[in-house]
Amino acid sequence: MPACRLITPDDAPVLAGLVRANRDFLAPWEPLHRDEYFTEAGQLVSIQAALSEHAQGRSLPCVMIDADGSVVGRVNLNNIVRGAFQSASLGYWLASAAGGRGLATAAVRDITRLAFAELGLHRLQADTLVHNVPSQRVLARNGFVRIGLAPRYLKIAGRWQDCVLHQLVSDPAEQGNGAERR
């Protein structure tokens, strides 16, 4: 069974429930959100915007799926750039109750396969806060390598924070250190 699938407007109720239930858990890792974000209507607006970007070829917005088919988080390719770059940014979050079972690792593996095999991208970049070790482990298990540190890179939890930059290229030999995708 796939670990992720394209998001649909029908996912708004369950996503609203997940972001409400995980509000405190996710807060240290996300930008500040208005209260509307945590409602079904707010999630529907977010989904519709993501699907509009997808229709224009600029994103691949997905939900993470548990073995029973339930939605447990999000995984997205954002800012898809074509031309000479052929690259995208990877982002994801997983509900606290679903953690520790390899679901994020599997979803990142699935969306990475889609990025390279179906979308024909060359490179993915993922950024984590310096202290987000669990997310860094998910990326490492999928063959991403650290490529640098970006000071004050993202405004997360209301303040500009340093991020570790990671990348994965479609040809592992191009990683520079021989790391292989898993």
C-alpha atoms as a PDB file:
ATOM      1  CA  MET A   1       0.000   0.000   0.000  1.00  0.00           C
ATOM      2  CA  PRO A   2       1.323   3.474  -0.802  1.00  0.00           C
ATOM      3  CA  ALA A   3       2.392   5.597   2.158  1.00  0.00           C
ATOM      4  CA  CYS A   4       1.042   8.780   0.568  1.00  0.00           C
ATOM      5  CA  ARG A   5      -1.528   9.918  -1.968  1.00  0.00           C
ATOM      6  CA  LEU A   6      -2.645  13.171  -3.569  1.00  0.00           C
ATOM      7  CA  ILE A   7      -4.637  15.312  -1.177  1.00  0.00           C
ATOM      8  CA  THR A   8      -8.346  15.900  -1.922  1.00  0.00           C
ATOM      9  CA  PRO A   9     -10.918  18.362  -0.562  1.00  0.00           C
ATOM     10  CA  ASP A  10     -12.505  15.391   1.237  1.00  0.00           C
ATOM     11  CA  ASP A  11      -9.405  15.311   3.492  1.00  0.00           C
ATOM     12  CA  ALA A  12     -10.299  18.660   5.113  1.00  0.00           C
ATOM     13  CA  PRO A  13     -12.255  17.248   8.092  1.00  0.00           C
ATOM     14  CA  VAL A  14      -9.612  14.714   9.115  1.00  0.00           C
ATOM     15  CA  LEU A  15      -6.756  17.177   8.591  1.00  0.00           C
ATOM     16  CA  ALA A  16      -8.576  19.780  10.684  1.00  0.00           C
ATOM     17  CA  GLY A  17      -8.906  17.200  13.441  1.00  0.00           C
ATOM     18  CA  LEU A  18      -5.227  16.288  13.181  1.00  0.00           C
ATOM     19  CA  VAL A  19      -3.922  19.866  13.249  1.00  0.00           C
ATOM     20  CA  ARG A  20      -6.173  20.684  16.213  1.00  0.00           C
ATOM     21  CA  ALA A  21      -5.134  17.553  18.139  1.00  0.00           C
ATOM     22  CA  ASN A  22      -1.453  18.148  17.332  1.00  0.00           C
ATOM     23  CA  ARG A  23      -1.406  21.934  17.659  1.00  0.00           C
ATOM     24  CA  ASP A  24       1.051  21.991  20.584  1.00  0.00           C
ATOM     25  CA  PHE A  25       3.110  19.081  19.226  1.00  0.00           C
ATOM     26  CA  LEU A  26       3.616  20.735  15.804  1.00  0.00           C
ATOM     27  CA  ALA A  27       3.972  24.342  17.038  1.00  0.00           C
ATOM     28  CA  PRO A  28       7.781  24.258  17.517  1.00  0.00           C
ATOM     29  CA  TRP A  29       8.276  23.050  13.921  1.00  0.00           C
ATOM     30  CA  GLU A  30       5.839  25.226  11.952  1.00  0.00           C
ATOM     31  CA  PRO A  31       5.135  28.850  11.117  1.00  0.00           C
ATOM     32  CA  LEU A  32       2.551  30.545  13.278  1.00  0.00           C
ATOM     33  CA  HIS A  33      -0.990  29.872  12.063  1.00  0.00           C
ATOM     34  CA  ARG A  34      -4.169  31.884  12.478  1.00  0.00           C
ATOM     35  CA  ASP A  35      -7.003  30.173  14.320  1.00  0.00           C
ATOM     36  CA  GLU A  36      -8.822  29.584  10.999  1.00  0.00           C
ATOM     37  CA  TYR A  37      -6.073  27.169   9.943  1.00  0.00           C
ATOM     38  CA  PHE A  38      -7.267  24.703  12.598  1.00  0.00           C
ATOM     39  CA  THR A  39     -10.825  24.549  11.245  1.00  0.00           C
ATOM     40  CA  GLU A  40     -12.295  22.404   8.500  1.00  0.00           C
ATOM     41  CA  ALA A  41     -12.926  25.542   6.432  1.00  0.00           C
ATOM     42  CA  GLY A  42      -9.319  26.637   6.927  1.00  0.00           C
ATOM     43  CA  GLN A  43      -7.987  23.255   5.878  1.00  0.00           C
ATOM     44  CA  LEU A  44     -10.253  23.301   2.818  1.00  0.00           C
ATOM     45  CA  VAL A  45      -8.825  26.694   1.785  1.00  0.00           C
ATOM     46  CA  SER A  46      -5.296  25.306   2.255  1.00  0.00           C
ATOM     47  CA  ILE A  47      -6.118  22.177   0.239  1.00  0.00           C
ATOM     48  CA  GLN A  48      -7.692  24.175  -2.582  1.00  0.00           C
ATOM     49  CA  ALA A  49      -4.638  26.453  -2.774  1.00  0.00           C
ATOM     50  CA  ALA A  50      -2.332  23.412  -2.823  1.00  0.00           C
ATOM     51  CA  LEU A  51      -4.372  21.724  -5.555  1.00  0.00           C
ATOM     52  CA  SER A  52      -4.310  24.934  -7.606  1.00  0.00           C
ATOM     53  CA  GLU A  53      -0.498  24.949  -7.361  1.00  0.00           C
ATOM     54  CA  HIS A  54      -0.512  21.262  -8.307  1.00  0.00           C
ATOM     55  CA  ALA A  55      -2.669  21.936 -11.386  1.00  0.00           C
ATOM     56  CA  GLN A  56      -0.033  24.458 -12.488  1.00  0.00           C
ATOM     57  CA  GLY A  57       2.776  21.936 -12.004  1.00  0.00           C
ATOM     58  CA  ARG A  58       4.299  23.803  -9.064  1.00  0.00           C
ATOM     59  CA  SER A  59       3.608  21.315  -6.259  1.00  0.00           C
ATOM     60  CA  LEU A  60       2.658  17.784  -5.329  1.00  0.00           C
ATOM     61  CA  PRO A  61       0.484  18.017  -2.183  1.00  0.00           C
ATOM     62  CA  CYS A  62      -0.097  14.663  -0.519  1.00  0.00           C
ATOM     63  CA  VAL A  63      -1.369  13.135   2.686  1.00  0.00           C
ATOM     64  CA  MET A  64       0.486  10.453   4.635  1.00  0.00           C
ATOM     65  CA  ILE A  65      -1.444   7.204   4.938  1.00  0.00           C
ATOM     66  CA  ASP A  66      -1.293   4.621   7.722  1.00  0.00           C
ATOM     67  CA  ALA A  67      -1.593   0.874   6.972  1.00  0.00           C
ATOM     68  CA  ASP A  68      -5.347   1.039   7.641  1.00  0.00           C
ATOM     69  CA  GLY A  69      -5.756   3.817   5.063  1.00  0.00           C
ATOM     70  CA  SER A  70      -6.264   6.609   7.591  1.00  0.00           C
ATOM     71  CA  VAL A  71      -4.656  10.012   7.053  1.00  0.00           C
ATOM     72  CA  VAL A  72      -1.897  10.693   9.611  1.00  0.00           C
ATOM     73  CA  GLY A  73      -0.088  13.739   8.200  1.00  0.00           C
ATOM     74  CA  ARG A  74       1.082  15.638   5.133  1.00  0.00           C
ATOM     75  CA  VAL A  75       4.009  15.286   2.758  1.00  0.00           C
ATOM     76  CA  ASN A  76       4.515  17.783  -0.051  1.00  0.00           C
ATOM     77  CA  LEU A  77       6.776  18.763  -2.882  1.00  0.00           C
ATOM     78  CA  ASN A  78       6.663  22.559  -3.045  1.00  0.00           C
ATOM     79  CA  ASN A  79       8.202  25.165  -5.312  1.00  0.00           C
ATOM     80  CA  ILE A  80       8.756  22.794  -8.215  1.00  0.00           C
ATOM     81  CA  VAL A  81      11.069  24.532 -10.651  1.00  0.00           C
ATOM     82  CA  ARG A  82      11.626  23.205 -14.158  1.00  0.00           C
ATOM     83  CA  GLY A  83      14.151  24.247 -16.783  1.00  0.00           C
ATOM     84  CA  ALA A  84      17.795  23.736 -15.894  1.00  0.00           C
ATOM     85  CA  PHE A  85      16.994  23.359 -12.157  1.00  0.00           C
ATOM     86  CA  GLN A  86      14.428  20.483 -12.143  1.00  0.00           C
ATOM     87  CA  SER A  87      14.128  20.766  -8.371  1.00  0.00           C
ATOM     88  CA  ALA A  88      11.594  20.959  -5.541  1.00  0.00           C
ATOM     89  CA  SER A  89      11.412  21.480  -1.798  1.00  0.00           C
ATOM     90  CA  LEU A  90      10.182  18.651   0.402  1.00  0.00           C
ATOM     91  CA  GLY A  91       8.125  19.241   3.524  1.00  0.00           C
ATOM     92  CA  TYR A  92       6.177  16.972   5.842  1.00  0.00           C
ATOM     93  CA  TRP A  93       4.535  16.577   9.229  1.00  0.00           C
ATOM     94  CA  LEU A  94       3.177  13.543  11.040  1.00  0.00           C
ATOM     95  CA  ALA A  95       0.658  13.340  13.875  1.00  0.00           C
ATOM     96  CA  SER A  96       2.249  12.615  17.233  1.00  0.00           C
ATOM     97  CA  ALA A  97       0.249   9.405  17.765  1.00  0.00           C
ATOM     98  CA  ALA A  98       1.547   8.011  14.452  1.00  0.00           C
ATOM     99  CA  GLY A  99       5.220   8.635  15.195  1.00  0.00           C
ATOM    100  CA  GLY A 100       7.895   6.011  15.655  1.00  0.00           C
ATOM    101  CA  ARG A 101       6.481   3.468  13.190  1.00  0.00           C
ATOM    102  CA  GLY A 102       8.320   4.459  10.020  1.00  0.00           C
ATOM    103  CA  LEU A 103       5.345   6.214   8.411  1.00  0.00           C
ATOM    104  CA  ALA A 104       7.184   9.467   7.691  1.00  0.00           C
ATOM    105  CA  THR A 105      10.154   7.527   6.311  1.00  0.00           C
ATOM    106  CA  ALA A 106       7.853   5.537   4.008  1.00  0.00           C
ATOM    107  CA  ALA A 107       5.954   8.637   2.846  1.00  0.00           C
ATOM    108  CA  VAL A 108       9.187  10.487   2.068  1.00  0.00           C
ATOM    109  CA  ARG A 109      10.389   7.407   0.155  1.00  0.00           C
ATOM    110  CA  ASP A 110       7.141   7.329  -1.853  1.00  0.00           C
ATOM    111  CA  ILE A 111       7.107  11.021  -2.710  1.00  0.00           C
ATOM    112  CA  THR A 112      10.811  10.886  -3.603  1.00  0.00           C
ATOM    113  CA  ARG A 113      10.083   8.046  -6.039  1.00  0.00           C
ATOM    114  CA  LEU A 114       7.265  10.112  -7.564  1.00  0.00           C
ATOM    115  CA  ALA A 115       9.532  13.153  -7.813  1.00  0.00           C
ATOM    116  CA  PHE A 116      12.235  11.321  -9.719  1.00  0.00           C
ATOM    117  CA  ALA A 117      10.397   8.593 -11.652  1.00  0.00           C
ATOM    118  CA  GLU A 118       7.144  10.342 -12.551  1.00  0.00           C
ATOM    119  CA  LEU A 119       7.875  14.069 -12.379  1.00  0.00           C
ATOM    120  CA  GLY A 120      11.388  13.729 -13.789  1.00  0.00           C
ATOM    121  CA  LEU A 121      12.951  15.984 -11.167  1.00  0.00           C
ATOM    122  CA  HIS A 122      16.704  15.958 -10.620  1.00  0.00           C
ATOM    123  CA  ARG A 123      16.972  17.281  -7.055  1.00  0.00           C
ATOM    124  CA  LEU A 124      14.992  17.579  -3.836  1.00  0.00           C
ATOM    125  CA  GLN A 125      15.881  19.865  -0.963  1.00  0.00           C
ATOM    126  CA  ALA A 126      14.587  19.489   2.584  1.00  0.00           C
ATOM    127  CA  ASP A 127      15.313  21.841   5.442  1.00  0.00           C
ATOM    128  CA  THR A 128      15.058  21.064   9.153  1.00  0.00           C
ATOM    129  CA  LEU A 129      15.526  23.129  12.248  1.00  0.00           C
ATOM    130  CA  VAL A 130      18.936  22.402  13.735  1.00  0.00           C
ATOM    131  CA  HIS A 131      17.415  20.596  16.733  1.00  0.00           C
ATOM    132  CA  ASN A 132      14.865  18.529  14.740  1.00  0.00           C
ATOM    133  CA  VAL A 133      16.820  15.283  14.951  1.00  0.00           C
ATOM    134  CA  PRO A 134      13.856  12.944  14.248  1.00  0.00           C
ATOM    135  CA  SER A 135      13.190  14.690  10.925  1.00  0.00           C
ATOM    136  CA  GLN A 136      16.884  14.589  10.073  1.00  0.00           C
ATOM    137  CA  ARG A 137      16.815  10.814  10.657  1.00  0.00           C
ATOM    138  CA  VAL A 138      13.846  10.437   8.276  1.00  0.00           C
ATOM    139  CA  LEU A 139      15.807  12.277   5.602  1.00  0.00           C
ATOM    140  CA  ALA A 140      19.005  10.288   6.210  1.00  0.00           C
ATOM    141  CA  ARG A 141      17.089   6.987   5.954  1.00  0.00           C
ATOM    142  CA  ASN A 142      15.948   8.159   2.528  1.00  0.00           C
ATOM    143  CA  GLY A 143      19.436   9.021   1.306  1.00  0.00           C
ATOM    144  CA  PHE A 144      19.344  12.795   1.799  1.00  0.00           C
ATOM    145  CA  VAL A 145      22.704  14.314   2.688  1.00  0.00           C
ATOM    146  CA  ARG A 146      23.436  17.450   4.662  1.00  0.00           C
ATOM    147  CA  ILE A 147      24.695  20.213   2.400  1.00  0.00           C
ATOM    148  CA  GLY A 148      24.908  23.152   4.757  1.00  0.00           C
ATOM    149  CA  LEU A 149      23.567  25.379   7.469  1.00  0.00           C
ATOM    150  CA  ALA A 150      21.418  28.397   6.688  1.00  0.00           C
ATOM    151  CA  PRO A 151      21.346  30.965   9.515  1.00  0.00           C
ATOM    152  CA  ARG A 152      17.958  32.539  10.254  1.00  0.00           C
ATOM    153  CA  TYR A 153      16.506  30.702   7.230  1.00  0.00           C
ATOM    154  CA  LEU A 154      12.847  30.158   8.141  1.00  0.00           C
ATOM    155  CA  LYS A 155      10.385  31.944  10.403  1.00  0.00           C
ATOM    156  CA  ILE A 156       9.196  29.040  12.559  1.00  0.00           C
ATOM    157  CA  ALA A 157       7.271  29.341  15.817  1.00  0.00           C
ATOM    158  CA  GLY A 158       7.307  33.121  15.389  1.00  0.00           C
ATOM    159  CA  ARG A 159      11.061  33.648  15.076  1.00  0.00           C
ATOM    160  CA  TRP A 160      13.762  33.344  12.428  1.00  0.00           C
ATOM    161  CA  GLN A 161      15.612  30.093  12.987  1.00  0.00           C
ATOM    162  CA  ASP A 162      18.699  28.351  11.641  1.00  0.00           C
ATOM    163  CA  CYS A 163      18.096  25.342   9.390  1.00  0.00           C
ATOM    164  CA  VAL A 164      20.147  22.387   8.249  1.00  0.00           C
ATOM    165  CA  LEU A 165      19.852  22.002   4.476  1.00  0.00           C
ATOM    166  CA  HIS A 166      19.638  18.511   2.951  1.00  0.00           C
ATOM    167  CA  GLN A 167      19.460  17.343  -0.633  1.00  0.00           C
ATOM    168  CA  LEU A 168      18.882  14.234  -2.662  1.00  0.00           C
ATOM    169  CA  VAL A 169      19.674  14.069  -6.355  1.00  0.00           C
ATOM    170  CA  SER A 170      18.274  11.525  -8.781  1.00  0.00           C
ATOM    171  CA  ASP A 171      21.728  10.115  -9.513  1.00  0.00           C
ATOM    172  CA  PRO A 172      23.328   9.077  -6.203  1.00  0.00           C
ATOM    173  CA  ALA A 173      26.821   9.368  -7.691  1.00  0.00           C
ATOM    174  CA  GLU A 174      26.169  13.103  -8.014  1.00  0.00           C
ATOM    175  CA  GLN A 175      25.726  13.440  -4.238  1.00  0.00           C
ATOM    176  CA  GLY A 176      29.467  13.986  -3.938  1.00  0.00           C
ATOM    177  CA  ASN A 177      30.003  11.308  -1.317  1.00  0.00           C
ATOM    178  CA  GLY A 178      28.664   8.182  -2.967  1.00  0.00           C
ATOM    179  CA  ALA A 179      25.599   8.005  -0.716  1.00  0.00           C
ATOM    180  CA  GLU A 180      22.912   5.789  -2.172  1.00  0.00           C
ATOM    181  CA  ARG A 181      19.164   6.298  -2.043  1.00  0.00           C
ATOM    182  CA  ARG A 182      17.221   3.742  -0.084  1.00  0.00           C
END
